[in-house]
Amino acid sequence: MITLHHLENSRSQRILWLLEELQLPYRIQRYQRNATTLLAPPELKAVHPLGKSPVISDGDITVAESGAIIEYLLARYGNGQLQPPADSAAARQYRYWLHYAEGSAMPPLLMHLVFSRLSLPPMPWLLRPLAGAIAKGVQKSYLGPQIRQHMAFMEAALAESGWFAGDAFSAADIQMSFPLEAAQARGFIDARQPRLLVWLQAIHARPAYQRALAQGGPYSLLR
């Protein structure tokens, strides 16, 4: 039995979605964020030294990191599902987007979140105006343009088929869901990215996505 160590409002939601797409038996071990720091609870460190989610346990095997978990599950249980044929052009695209999601798309979005909270507690109240001004400057001059560049890049990538790897839905789309849902939650996807909007509607309409929401509980990305 696969155990998904599931942190609320986190990347582990897309692993739950993958498990539903593959129709694999699993159980969920739930964890809640600290209400003040929004960090994962220390209990997760008993599963993996970094105390991060997602993590899965499969017998005596523990796998962390979204991309590594996706590759592990598909290699062991996928039977060729949700990935293009090996050595095809689509397979190269698939590999690229599987790594791009966390390697390139997420860092500026995470920095945007951090800077958006810079003027909030535990920042001392006397420093909050200065911290807020610095944060707004960084967001306007650096992070905003960087994120919009990524949105334009991803919008263009969907021009051919509407999916990220070849002409069919794949696990690359599952991996890309978190950064794009985060971008939408923070106001970086609108009518200027019609393909991304259509793609988001398409993934949200998938029965397995809906089942994963029902299994995982509330899923609201931080703004």
Protein backbone atom coordinates (compact mmCIF):
# COMPACT_ATOMS: atom_id res chain seq x y z
CA MET A 1 0.00 0.00 0.00
CA ILE A 2 1.36 3.41 -1.00
CA THR A 3 1.18 6.10 1.68
CA LEU A 4 1.07 9.73 0.58
CA HIS A 5 2.27 12.10 3.28
CA HIS A 6 -0.07 14.92 2.37
CA LEU A 7 0.48 18.49 3.55
CA GLU A 8 -2.52 20.76 3.16
CA ASN A 9 -2.39 23.34 0.35
CA SER A 10 0.84 22.00 -1.10
CA ARG A 11 2.53 20.24 -3.98
CA SER A 12 1.37 16.89 -2.61
CA GLN A 13 -2.06 17.57 -4.11
CA ARG A 14 -0.71 16.80 -7.58
CA ILE A 15 0.71 13.46 -6.38
CA LEU A 16 -2.72 12.63 -5.02
CA TRP A 17 -4.10 13.51 -8.45
CA LEU A 18 -1.56 11.21 -10.14
CA LEU A 19 -2.53 8.34 -7.84
CA GLU A 20 -6.15 8.88 -8.83
CA GLU A 21 -5.28 9.00 -12.54
CA LEU A 22 -3.44 5.67 -12.19
CA GLN A 23 -6.23 4.26 -10.00
CA LEU A 24 -3.70 2.92 -7.52
CA PRO A 25 -4.63 1.91 -3.98
CA TYR A 26 -3.19 4.32 -1.42
CA ARG A 27 -3.74 5.84 1.97
CA ILE A 28 -3.27 9.44 3.06
CA GLN A 29 -1.33 10.57 6.11
CA ARG A 30 -2.42 14.18 6.66
CA TYR A 31 -0.35 17.07 8.00
CA GLN A 32 -1.33 20.67 8.73
CA ARG A 33 0.77 23.77 8.34
CA ASN A 34 1.75 25.89 11.31
CA ALA A 35 -0.87 28.65 11.45
CA THR A 36 1.74 31.36 12.06
CA THR A 37 4.72 30.34 9.94
CA LEU A 38 2.78 28.35 7.30
CA LEU A 39 5.57 25.76 7.45
CA ALA A 40 5.11 22.00 7.52
CA PRO A 41 4.91 20.43 11.01
CA PRO A 42 8.00 18.78 12.52
CA GLU A 43 6.28 15.37 12.30
CA LEU A 44 7.19 15.23 8.62
CA LYS A 45 10.87 15.02 9.54
CA ALA A 46 10.20 11.54 10.84
CA VAL A 47 9.37 10.58 7.25
CA HIS A 48 12.13 12.50 5.44
CA PRO A 49 15.01 14.53 6.96
CA LEU A 50 13.98 17.75 5.22
CA GLY A 51 10.44 17.57 6.57
CA LYS A 52 8.89 18.59 3.27
CA SER A 53 5.90 17.36 1.28
CA PRO A 54 5.21 15.54 -0.96
CA VAL A 55 6.72 12.30 0.24
CA ILE A 56 5.46 8.81 -0.45
CA SER A 57 6.19 5.56 1.34
CA ASP A 58 5.87 2.36 -0.68
CA GLY A 59 6.75 -0.54 1.58
CA ASP A 60 10.29 0.16 2.75
CA ILE A 61 10.89 2.68 -0.05
CA THR A 62 10.57 6.42 0.64
CA VAL A 63 10.56 8.90 -2.25
CA ALA A 64 10.55 12.70 -1.95
CA GLU A 65 10.33 15.52 -4.54
CA SER A 66 7.39 15.80 -6.92
CA GLY A 67 9.27 14.96 -10.10
CA ALA A 68 11.05 11.99 -8.55
CA ILE A 69 7.77 10.67 -7.15
CA ILE A 70 6.08 10.98 -10.54
CA GLU A 71 8.92 9.13 -12.25
CA TYR A 72 8.93 6.43 -9.58
CA LEU A 73 5.19 5.80 -9.72
CA LEU A 74 5.06 5.71 -13.50
CA ALA A 75 8.11 3.44 -13.77
CA ARG A 76 6.78 0.99 -11.20
CA TYR A 77 3.03 1.13 -11.76
CA GLY A 78 2.31 3.18 -14.87
CA ASN A 79 2.46 0.49 -17.57
CA GLY A 80 3.16 3.21 -20.12
CA GLN A 81 0.34 5.47 -19.00
CA LEU A 82 0.61 9.26 -18.87
CA GLN A 83 3.93 9.51 -20.69
CA PRO A 84 4.86 9.70 -24.38
CA PRO A 85 6.70 6.90 -26.17
CA ALA A 86 10.40 6.76 -25.28
CA ASP A 87 12.84 8.58 -27.58
CA SER A 88 10.04 10.58 -29.23
CA ALA A 89 10.01 14.37 -29.53
CA ALA A 90 7.10 14.36 -27.09
CA ALA A 91 9.20 12.39 -24.60
CA ARG A 92 11.88 15.09 -24.70
CA GLN A 93 9.22 17.74 -24.10
CA TYR A 94 7.81 15.63 -21.28
CA ARG A 95 11.19 15.41 -19.56
CA TYR A 96 11.77 19.13 -19.96
CA TRP A 97 8.45 20.21 -18.41
CA LEU A 98 8.77 17.66 -15.62
CA HIS A 99 11.94 19.49 -14.50
CA TYR A 100 11.00 23.02 -15.60
CA ALA A 101 8.03 23.16 -13.21
CA GLU A 102 10.20 23.19 -10.11
CA GLY A 103 13.54 24.25 -11.57
CA SER A 104 12.42 27.40 -13.39
CA ALA A 105 8.73 28.18 -12.90
CA MET A 106 8.41 27.88 -9.12
CA PRO A 107 11.40 29.91 -7.81
CA PRO A 108 10.12 33.37 -8.86
CA LEU A 109 6.60 32.46 -7.70
CA LEU A 110 7.94 31.38 -4.32
CA MET A 111 10.00 34.56 -4.04
CA HIS A 112 6.89 36.56 -4.89
CA LEU A 113 5.05 34.87 -2.04
CA VAL A 114 7.90 35.52 0.40
CA PHE A 115 8.15 39.20 -0.52
CA SER A 116 4.36 39.60 -0.33
CA ARG A 117 4.57 38.57 3.34
CA LEU A 118 7.65 40.60 4.20
CA SER A 119 5.71 43.37 5.90
CA LEU A 120 3.63 40.97 8.02
CA PRO A 121 4.40 39.49 11.45
CA PRO A 122 6.86 38.38 12.72
CA MET A 123 8.44 41.48 11.12
CA PRO A 124 8.62 44.12 13.90
CA TRP A 125 5.89 46.70 13.35
CA LEU A 126 8.35 49.60 13.19
CA LEU A 127 10.09 47.96 10.23
CA ARG A 128 6.97 46.91 8.36
CA PRO A 129 6.59 50.09 6.23
CA LEU A 130 10.22 49.88 5.08
CA ALA A 131 9.97 46.13 4.48
CA GLY A 132 6.76 46.62 2.52
CA ALA A 133 8.31 49.32 0.35
CA ILE A 134 11.35 47.14 -0.40
CA ALA A 135 9.12 44.18 -1.20
CA LYS A 136 6.96 46.18 -3.61
CA GLY A 137 10.05 47.47 -5.36
CA VAL A 138 11.49 43.99 -5.86
CA GLN A 139 8.15 42.63 -7.03
CA LYS A 140 7.63 45.46 -9.52
CA SER A 141 11.12 45.70 -10.97
CA TYR A 142 12.24 42.08 -10.90
CA LEU A 143 9.78 39.36 -9.89
CA GLY A 144 6.78 40.64 -11.83
CA PRO A 145 8.64 40.86 -15.16
CA GLN A 146 10.27 37.46 -14.56
CA ILE A 147 6.95 35.76 -13.87
CA ARG A 148 5.24 37.40 -16.84
CA GLN A 149 8.07 36.18 -19.06
CA HIS A 150 7.46 32.63 -17.84
CA MET A 151 3.71 33.00 -18.44
CA ALA A 152 4.33 34.08 -22.03
CA PHE A 153 6.70 31.16 -22.54
CA MET A 154 4.18 28.64 -21.23
CA GLU A 155 1.35 30.21 -23.19
CA ALA A 156 3.36 29.78 -26.39
CA ALA A 157 4.20 26.18 -25.50
CA LEU A 158 0.51 25.24 -25.59
CA ALA A 159 -0.03 26.58 -29.11
CA GLU A 160 0.40 23.28 -30.93
CA SER A 161 -1.76 20.83 -29.00
CA GLY A 162 -2.98 22.43 -25.80
CA TRP A 163 -0.88 20.02 -23.70
CA PHE A 164 2.70 20.32 -22.53
CA ALA A 165 4.12 17.09 -23.97
CA GLY A 166 2.83 16.00 -27.34
CA ASP A 167 -0.82 15.85 -28.35
CA ALA A 168 -2.20 14.14 -25.21
CA PHE A 169 -2.53 14.77 -21.51
CA SER A 170 0.46 13.42 -19.57
CA ALA A 171 2.12 13.51 -16.17
CA ALA A 172 3.96 16.61 -17.39
CA ASP A 173 0.62 18.40 -17.18
CA ILE A 174 0.15 17.12 -13.64
CA GLN A 175 3.60 18.42 -12.70
CA MET A 176 2.87 21.79 -14.30
CA SER A 177 -0.42 22.19 -12.46
CA PHE A 178 1.05 23.55 -9.22
CA PRO A 179 3.05 26.49 -10.63
CA LEU A 180 0.23 27.47 -12.94
CA GLU A 181 -2.42 27.26 -10.23
CA ALA A 182 -0.13 29.31 -8.02
CA ALA A 183 0.34 31.86 -10.81
CA GLN A 184 -3.41 32.12 -11.32
CA ALA A 185 -4.01 32.53 -7.58
CA ARG A 186 -1.55 35.46 -7.55
CA GLY A 187 -3.10 37.21 -10.54
CA PHE A 188 -0.54 36.37 -13.23
CA ILE A 189 -2.94 34.50 -15.53
CA ASP A 190 -5.81 36.35 -17.15
CA ALA A 191 -7.35 36.97 -20.57
CA ARG A 192 -3.88 37.66 -21.99
CA GLN A 193 -3.11 33.94 -21.62
CA PRO A 194 -6.17 32.27 -23.18
CA ARG A 195 -4.43 28.94 -23.78
CA LEU A 196 -3.35 28.69 -20.15
CA LEU A 197 -6.92 29.44 -19.06
CA VAL A 198 -8.27 26.71 -21.33
CA TRP A 199 -5.62 24.30 -20.06
CA LEU A 200 -6.52 25.04 -16.44
CA GLN A 201 -10.20 24.45 -17.18
CA ALA A 202 -9.33 21.16 -18.89
CA ILE A 203 -7.27 19.75 -16.02
CA HIS A 204 -9.81 20.87 -13.42
CA ALA A 205 -12.55 19.06 -15.32
CA ARG A 206 -10.77 15.70 -15.24
CA PRO A 207 -12.60 13.16 -13.04
CA ALA A 208 -9.35 12.09 -11.35
CA TYR A 209 -8.58 15.73 -10.46
CA GLN A 210 -12.02 16.06 -8.90
CA ARG A 211 -11.59 12.80 -6.98
CA ALA A 212 -8.22 14.02 -5.69
CA LEU A 213 -9.84 17.21 -4.38
CA ALA A 214 -12.47 15.16 -2.60
CA GLN A 215 -9.80 12.91 -1.06
CA GLY A 216 -7.30 15.62 -0.16
CA GLY A 217 -9.58 18.15 1.47
CA PRO A 218 -9.33 21.95 1.13
CA TYR A 219 -6.87 23.08 -1.51
CA SER A 220 -6.30 26.82 -1.55
CA LEU A 221 -2.94 28.10 -2.71
CA LEU A 222 -1.32 30.90 -0.73
CA ARG A 223 -1.49 34.33 -2.30
